[in-house]
C-alpha atoms as a PDB file:
ATOM      1  CA  MET A   1      15.529 -25.647  12.648  1.00  0.00           C
ATOM      2  CA  PRO A   2      13.187 -26.226   9.846  1.00  0.00           C
ATOM      3  CA  ALA A   3      13.906 -28.620   7.242  1.00  0.00           C
ATOM      4  CA  ARG A   4      14.245 -26.975   3.522  1.00  0.00           C
ATOM      5  CA  GLY A   5      10.548 -26.455   2.149  1.00  0.00           C
ATOM      6  CA  GLN A   6       9.085 -26.402   5.910  1.00  0.00           C
ATOM      7  CA  ALA A   7       7.082 -23.422   6.747  1.00  0.00           C
ATOM      8  CA  ALA A   8       9.171 -20.913   9.252  1.00  0.00           C
ATOM      9  CA  PRO A   9       7.748 -20.953  12.715  1.00  0.00           C
ATOM     10  CA  GLY A  10       7.133 -17.241  12.558  1.00  0.00           C
ATOM     11  CA  PRO A  11       4.741 -14.882  14.275  1.00  0.00           C
ATOM     12  CA  ARG A  12       1.431 -16.692  15.914  1.00  0.00           C
ATOM     13  CA  THR A  13      -1.687 -15.254  16.223  1.00  0.00           C
ATOM     14  CA  ALA A  14      -3.231 -15.961  19.600  1.00  0.00           C
ATOM     15  CA  ARG A  15      -7.073 -17.325  19.688  1.00  0.00           C
ATOM     16  CA  GLU A  16      -9.629 -15.510  21.343  1.00  0.00           C
ATOM     17  CA  PRO A  17     -12.800 -17.124  22.592  1.00  0.00           C
ATOM     18  CA  GLY A  18     -15.478 -16.983  19.693  1.00  0.00           C
ATOM     19  CA  ARG A  19     -13.032 -15.598  17.598  1.00  0.00           C
ATOM     20  CA  PRO A  20     -11.208 -16.956  14.408  1.00  0.00           C
ATOM     21  CA  ALA A  21      -7.369 -16.287  14.553  1.00  0.00           C
ATOM     22  CA  LEU A  22      -7.428 -14.349  11.054  1.00  0.00           C
ATOM     23  CA  ALA A  23     -10.431 -12.110  11.111  1.00  0.00           C
ATOM     24  CA  VAL A  24     -10.002  -9.215   8.882  1.00  0.00           C
ATOM     25  CA  GLY A  25     -13.445  -7.366   8.401  1.00  0.00           C
ATOM     26  CA  SER A  26     -15.757  -9.100   5.726  1.00  0.00           C
ATOM     27  CA  GLU A  27     -12.522 -11.086   4.255  1.00  0.00           C
ATOM     28  CA  GLY A  28     -11.890 -14.519   5.636  1.00  0.00           C
ATOM     29  CA  PRO A  29     -10.684 -17.749   4.674  1.00  0.00           C
ATOM     30  CA  ASP A  30     -14.063 -18.731   3.029  1.00  0.00           C
ATOM     31  CA  SER A  31     -14.152 -15.548   1.111  1.00  0.00           C
ATOM     32  CA  ALA A  32     -13.234 -15.569  -2.870  1.00  0.00           C
ATOM     33  CA  PRO A  33      -9.656 -13.785  -3.363  1.00  0.00           C
ATOM     34  CA  THR A  34      -9.347 -11.405  -6.048  1.00  0.00           C
ATOM     35  CA  PRO A  35      -8.153 -13.204  -9.410  1.00  0.00           C
ATOM     36  CA  PRO A  36      -4.680 -12.568 -10.533  1.00  0.00           C
ATOM     37  CA  TRP A  37      -5.951 -11.325 -13.727  1.00  0.00           C
ATOM     38  CA  ALA A  38      -8.325  -8.704 -12.230  1.00  0.00           C
ATOM     39  CA  LEU A  39      -4.944  -7.593 -10.270  1.00  0.00           C
ATOM     40  CA  VAL A  40      -3.029  -7.471 -13.503  1.00  0.00           C
ATOM     41  CA  ALA A  41      -6.116  -5.356 -15.063  1.00  0.00           C
ATOM     42  CA  LEU A  42      -5.579  -2.700 -12.311  1.00  0.00           C
ATOM     43  CA  GLY A  43      -2.243  -2.394 -12.694  1.00  0.00           C
ATOM     44  CA  VAL A  44      -2.694  -1.631 -16.200  1.00  0.00           C
ATOM     45  CA  VAL A  45      -5.534   0.970 -15.295  1.00  0.00           C
ATOM     46  CA  ALA A  46      -3.208   2.480 -12.879  1.00  0.00           C
ATOM     47  CA  CYS A  47      -0.439   2.889 -15.377  1.00  0.00           C
ATOM     48  CA  ALA A  48      -3.117   4.418 -17.992  1.00  0.00           C
ATOM     49  CA  VAL A  49      -4.258   6.862 -14.971  1.00  0.00           C
ATOM     50  CA  LEU A  50      -0.982   8.106 -14.184  1.00  0.00           C
ATOM     51  CA  ALA A  51      -0.103   8.452 -17.820  1.00  0.00           C
ATOM     52  CA  ALA A  52      -3.291  10.346 -18.542  1.00  0.00           C
ATOM     53  CA  ALA A  53      -2.727  12.746 -15.305  1.00  0.00           C
ATOM     54  CA  CYS A  54       0.639  13.541 -16.604  1.00  0.00           C
ATOM     55  CA  TRP A  55      -0.764  14.502 -20.168  1.00  0.00           C
ATOM     56  CA  THR A  56      -3.432  16.678 -18.484  1.00  0.00           C
ATOM     57  CA  ALA A  57      -1.134  18.460 -15.982  1.00  0.00           C
ATOM     58  CA  SER A  58       0.748  19.470 -19.207  1.00  0.00           C
ATOM     59  CA  HIS A  59      -2.126  21.197 -20.250  1.00  0.00           C
ATOM     60  CA  VAL A  60      -3.641  22.624 -17.421  1.00  0.00           C
ATOM     61  CA  HIS A  61      -2.954  26.302 -16.481  1.00  0.00           C
ATOM     62  CA  ALA A  62      -4.522  27.107 -12.784  1.00  0.00           C
ATOM     63  CA  ASP A  63      -4.392  30.713 -11.669  1.00  0.00           C
ATOM     64  CA  PRO A  64      -3.091  31.517  -8.094  1.00  0.00           C
ATOM     65  CA  PRO A  65      -5.821  30.590  -6.170  1.00  0.00           C
ATOM     66  CA  LEU A  66      -6.478  27.550  -7.607  1.00  0.00           C
ATOM     67  CA  GLN A  67      -3.026  26.612  -7.259  1.00  0.00           C
ATOM     68  CA  ALA A  68      -3.030  27.545  -3.364  1.00  0.00           C
ATOM     69  CA  ALA A  69      -5.945  25.251  -2.934  1.00  0.00           C
ATOM     70  CA  ALA A  70      -4.531  22.537  -4.930  1.00  0.00           C
ATOM     71  CA  ARG A  71      -0.997  22.791  -2.466  1.00  0.00           C
ATOM     72  CA  PHE A  72      -3.660  22.720   0.275  1.00  0.00           C
ATOM     73  CA  LEU A  73      -5.308  19.443  -0.891  1.00  0.00           C
ATOM     74  CA  HIS A  74      -1.839  17.817  -1.699  1.00  0.00           C
ATOM     75  CA  LEU A  75      -0.672  18.193   1.502  1.00  0.00           C
ATOM     76  CA  ALA A  76      -3.970  16.881   3.352  1.00  0.00           C
ATOM     77  CA  ALA A  77      -3.730  13.887   0.538  1.00  0.00           C
ATOM     78  CA  LEU A  78      -0.057  13.354   1.992  1.00  0.00           C
ATOM     79  CA  ILE A  79      -1.296  13.184   5.424  1.00  0.00           C
ATOM     80  CA  VAL A  80      -4.104  11.067   5.169  1.00  0.00           C
ATOM     81  CA  GLY A  81      -2.220   8.402   2.496  1.00  0.00           C
ATOM     82  CA  LEU A  82       1.134   8.526   4.521  1.00  0.00           C
ATOM     83  CA  GLY A  83      -0.228   8.309   7.544  1.00  0.00           C
ATOM     84  CA  ALA A  84      -2.382   5.366   7.169  1.00  0.00           C
ATOM     85  CA  VAL A  85       0.495   3.583   5.439  1.00  0.00           C
ATOM     86  CA  LEU A  86       3.031   4.332   8.322  1.00  0.00           C
ATOM     87  CA  THR A  87       0.117   2.829  10.689  1.00  0.00           C
ATOM     88  CA  VAL A  88      -0.006  -0.568   8.610  1.00  0.00           C
ATOM     89  CA  ASP A  89       3.506  -1.175   8.007  1.00  0.00           C
ATOM     90  CA  TRP A  90       4.329  -0.158  11.566  1.00  0.00           C
ATOM     91  CA  LEU A  91       1.997  -2.943  12.859  1.00  0.00           C
ATOM     92  CA  ALA A  92       3.555  -5.146  10.111  1.00  0.00           C
ATOM     93  CA  LEU A  93       6.959  -4.764  11.370  1.00  0.00           C
ATOM     94  CA  LEU A  94       5.786  -5.477  14.987  1.00  0.00           C
ATOM     95  CA  TRP A  95       4.133  -8.695  13.573  1.00  0.00           C
ATOM     96  CA  LEU A  96       7.335  -9.728  12.197  1.00  0.00           C
ATOM     97  CA  LEU A  97       9.124  -9.226  15.369  1.00  0.00           C
ATOM     98  CA  GLY A  98       6.394 -11.317  17.318  1.00  0.00           C
ATOM     99  CA  ARG A  99       5.048  -8.485  18.998  1.00  0.00           C
ATOM    100  CA  ARG A 100       1.795  -8.285  17.331  1.00  0.00           C
ATOM    101  CA  ARG A 101      -0.953 -10.639  16.097  1.00  0.00           C
ATOM    102  CA  LEU A 102      -1.454 -11.247  12.412  1.00  0.00           C
ATOM    103  CA  SER A 103      -5.098 -10.736  12.839  1.00  0.00           C
ATOM    104  CA  ASP A 104      -4.329  -7.089  14.147  1.00  0.00           C
ATOM    105  CA  VAL A 105      -2.285  -6.333  11.123  1.00  0.00           C
ATOM    106  CA  LEU A 106      -5.025  -7.578   8.551  1.00  0.00           C
ATOM    107  CA  GLN A 107      -7.942  -5.819  10.370  1.00  0.00           C
ATOM    108  CA  THR A 108      -5.817  -2.605  10.531  1.00  0.00           C
ATOM    109  CA  ALA A 109      -5.130  -2.901   6.794  1.00  0.00           C
ATOM    110  CA  GLY A 110      -8.522  -3.588   5.790  1.00  0.00           C
ATOM    111  CA  ALA A 111      -9.840  -0.607   7.783  1.00  0.00           C
ATOM    112  CA  LEU A 112      -7.057   1.702   6.356  1.00  0.00           C
ATOM    113  CA  HIS A 113      -7.383   0.420   2.613  1.00  0.00           C
ATOM    114  CA  THR A 114      -9.608   3.204   1.794  1.00  0.00           C
ATOM    115  CA  PRO A 115      -7.740   6.265   3.442  1.00  0.00           C
ATOM    116  CA  ILE A 116      -4.693   5.196   1.646  1.00  0.00           C
ATOM    117  CA  TRP A 117      -6.167   5.038  -2.011  1.00  0.00           C
ATOM    118  CA  LEU A 118      -8.035   8.364  -1.200  1.00  0.00           C
ATOM    119  CA  GLY A 119      -4.850   9.879  -0.096  1.00  0.00           C
ATOM    120  CA  LEU A 120      -3.060   8.604  -3.347  1.00  0.00           C
ATOM    121  CA  GLY A 121      -5.952   9.809  -5.712  1.00  0.00           C
ATOM    122  CA  GLY A 122      -5.759  13.175  -3.993  1.00  0.00           C
ATOM    123  CA  LEU A 123      -2.163  13.526  -4.499  1.00  0.00           C
ATOM    124  CA  VAL A 124      -2.603  12.571  -8.285  1.00  0.00           C
ATOM    125  CA  LEU A 125      -5.521  14.906  -8.628  1.00  0.00           C
ATOM    126  CA  SER A 126      -4.119  18.101  -6.977  1.00  0.00           C
ATOM    127  CA  GLY A 127      -0.880  17.609  -8.741  1.00  0.00           C
ATOM    128  CA  LEU A 128      -2.764  18.569 -12.159  1.00  0.00           C
ATOM    129  CA  PHE A 129      -2.735  22.132 -11.143  1.00  0.00           C
ATOM    130  CA  LEU A 130       0.501  22.173  -9.737  1.00  0.00           C
ATOM    131  CA  HIS A 131       2.416  22.900 -13.074  1.00  0.00           C
ATOM    132  CA  PRO A 132       4.845  19.794 -12.559  1.00  0.00           C
ATOM    133  CA  ASP A 133       7.916  20.083 -14.668  1.00  0.00           C
ATOM    134  CA  LEU A 134       7.701  16.713 -16.579  1.00  0.00           C
ATOM    135  CA  SER A 135      11.042  17.628 -18.197  1.00  0.00           C
ATOM    136  CA  SER A 136      12.819  17.621 -14.774  1.00  0.00           C
ATOM    137  CA  PRO A 137      14.720  14.218 -13.636  1.00  0.00           C
ATOM    138  CA  LEU A 138      13.541  14.642 -10.199  1.00  0.00           C
ATOM    139  CA  THR A 139       9.913  14.732 -11.128  1.00  0.00           C
ATOM    140  CA  LEU A 140      10.339  11.750 -13.268  1.00  0.00           C
ATOM    141  CA  ILE A 141      11.718   9.947 -10.437  1.00  0.00           C
ATOM    142  CA  LYS A 142       9.027  11.243  -7.993  1.00  0.00           C
ATOM    143  CA  LEU A 143       6.376   9.585 -10.958  1.00  0.00           C
ATOM    144  CA  GLY A 144       8.407   6.364 -10.711  1.00  0.00           C
ATOM    145  CA  PHE A 145       7.580   6.335  -7.031  1.00  0.00           C
ATOM    146  CA  VAL A 146       4.146   7.145  -7.158  1.00  0.00           C
ATOM    147  CA  LEU A 147       3.769   4.241  -9.968  1.00  0.00           C
ATOM    148  CA  ALA A 148       5.508   1.769  -7.659  1.00  0.00           C
ATOM    149  CA  VAL A 149       3.403   2.846  -4.790  1.00  0.00           C
ATOM    150  CA  MET A 150       0.120   2.007  -6.762  1.00  0.00           C
ATOM    151  CA  LEU A 151       1.288  -1.032  -8.143  1.00  0.00           C
ATOM    152  CA  ASN A 152       2.657  -2.330  -4.676  1.00  0.00           C
ATOM    153  CA  GLY A 153      -0.799  -1.445  -3.228  1.00  0.00           C
ATOM    154  CA  LEU A 154      -1.949  -4.453  -5.511  1.00  0.00           C
ATOM    155  CA  TYR A 155       0.790  -6.493  -4.812  1.00  0.00           C
ATOM    156  CA  ALA A 156       0.306  -5.752  -0.736  1.00  0.00           C
ATOM    157  CA  HIS A 157      -3.668  -6.644  -1.555  1.00  0.00           C
ATOM    158  CA  TRP A 158      -2.650 -10.037  -3.166  1.00  0.00           C
ATOM    159  CA  VAL A 159      -0.380 -10.766  -0.160  1.00  0.00           C
ATOM    160  CA  GLY A 160      -2.721  -9.892   2.451  1.00  0.00           C
ATOM    161  CA  GLN A 161      -5.245 -12.024   0.908  1.00  0.00           C
ATOM    162  CA  ARG A 162      -2.905 -14.910   0.985  1.00  0.00           C
ATOM    163  CA  LEU A 163      -2.295 -14.203   4.686  1.00  0.00           C
ATOM    164  CA  SER A 164      -5.758 -14.153   5.655  1.00  0.00           C
ATOM    165  CA  GLN A 165      -6.721 -17.308   3.810  1.00  0.00           C
ATOM    166  CA  LEU A 166      -3.887 -19.059   5.151  1.00  0.00           C
ATOM    167  CA  GLN A 167      -5.315 -20.861   7.859  1.00  0.00           C
ATOM    168  CA  GLY A 168      -8.489 -21.935   5.921  1.00  0.00           C
ATOM    169  CA  GLN A 169      -6.163 -24.295   3.883  1.00  0.00           C
ATOM    170  CA  PRO A 170      -6.673 -27.991   4.998  1.00  0.00           C
ATOM    171  CA  GLY A 171      -3.795 -29.029   7.254  1.00  0.00           C
ATOM    172  CA  SER A 172      -2.366 -25.603   7.980  1.00  0.00           C
ATOM    173  CA  ALA A 173      -1.413 -25.248  11.630  1.00  0.00           C
ATOM    174  CA  PRO A 174      -2.936 -21.996  13.128  1.00  0.00           C
ATOM    175  CA  GLY A 175      -0.605 -19.303  13.425  1.00  0.00           C
ATOM    176  CA  ILE A 176       2.094 -20.658  11.088  1.00  0.00           C
ATOM    177  CA  VAL A 177       3.272 -18.598   8.516  1.00  0.00           C
ATOM    178  CA  PRO A 178       5.594 -19.579   5.674  1.00  0.00           C
ATOM    179  CA  ARG A 179       8.745 -18.186   5.576  1.00  0.00           C
ATOM    180  CA  ARG A 180       8.478 -16.997   1.902  1.00  0.00           C
ATOM    181  CA  LEU A 181       4.956 -14.961   2.988  1.00  0.00           C
ATOM    182  CA  MET A 182       6.635 -13.435   5.607  1.00  0.00           C
ATOM    183  CA  LYS A 183       9.534 -11.930   3.162  1.00  0.00           C
ATOM    184  CA  GLN A 184       6.630 -10.845   0.794  1.00  0.00           C
ATOM    185  CA  THR A 185       5.139  -9.038   3.625  1.00  0.00           C
ATOM    186  CA  GLY A 186       8.430  -7.147   4.354  1.00  0.00           C
ATOM    187  CA  ILE A 187       9.119  -6.857   0.729  1.00  0.00           C
ATOM    188  CA  ALA A 188       5.687  -4.991   0.353  1.00  0.00           C
ATOM    189  CA  ALA A 189       6.153  -2.785   3.503  1.00  0.00           C
ATOM    190  CA  SER A 190       9.688  -1.802   2.171  1.00  0.00           C
ATOM    191  CA  ILE A 191       8.433  -0.848  -1.102  1.00  0.00           C
ATOM    192  CA  SER A 192       5.754   1.124   0.228  1.00  0.00           C
ATOM    193  CA  GLN A 193       7.984   3.087   2.807  1.00  0.00           C
ATOM    194  CA  VAL A 194      10.485   3.876   0.053  1.00  0.00           C
ATOM    195  CA  GLY A 195       7.836   4.970  -2.504  1.00  0.00           C
ATOM    196  CA  TRP A 196       5.929   7.325  -0.351  1.00  0.00           C
ATOM    197  CA  TRP A 197       8.576   9.038   1.570  1.00  0.00           C
ATOM    198  CA  GLY A 198      10.674   9.159  -1.538  1.00  0.00           C
ATOM    199  CA  ALA A 199       7.897  11.097  -3.435  1.00  0.00           C
ATOM    200  CA  SER A 200       7.499  13.247  -0.568  1.00  0.00           C
ATOM    201  CA  VAL A 201      11.020  14.064  -0.349  1.00  0.00           C
ATOM    202  CA  ILE A 202      11.136  14.983  -3.961  1.00  0.00           C
ATOM    203  CA  GLY A 203       7.853  17.013  -3.605  1.00  0.00           C
ATOM    204  CA  PHE A 204       9.522  19.266  -1.299  1.00  0.00           C
ATOM    205  CA  LEU A 205      12.769  19.815  -3.121  1.00  0.00           C
ATOM    206  CA  ASN A 206      10.672  20.558  -6.095  1.00  0.00           C
ATOM    207  CA  SER A 207       8.616  23.400  -3.892  1.00  0.00           C
ATOM    208  CA  HIS A 208      11.796  24.776  -2.917  1.00  0.00           C
ATOM    209  CA  PRO A 209      13.679  25.686  -5.946  1.00  0.00           C
END
């Protein structure tokens, strides 16, 4: 049993010949992390973008062909975004259970970063032409889920940077992850799943009055 304040002996990452234990594309222990103020600024921008999208959607009147195209784009964006999120979160769960290396999770997250944000952006863009009922409580809850997913994406990015730079710290043992950081990883994955699935279920219910 580790003493209070010590790092929990969580999942370890096995070293391969000629390869660092925490390699994630171009991001490594020596790369400069995104400063917190930049993540906060991006969070403010995300809130502004969603608010602007809601205002625009209430003033856009799309004809039936455009609505049909928007529905197809909405579905395609959901498949791309949710599929990528499921892949990353599933690997994160396997890592928390000690069945995958941390480097596998970080590499996959780095590779799927773009599809996740493209899927989310496609959902917001296509939603402009679907005449969302902004007076409906379900629609407002869905927008809350979308905002939570956007902000959680920035939080997950921050957690991922801490994980990728963990072994670059002087005196840190290879593969040992502090218990608090493991909990933060679980929280980010849980919020991601609740947000994506919650928004998807409400979107399905709204499309079948």
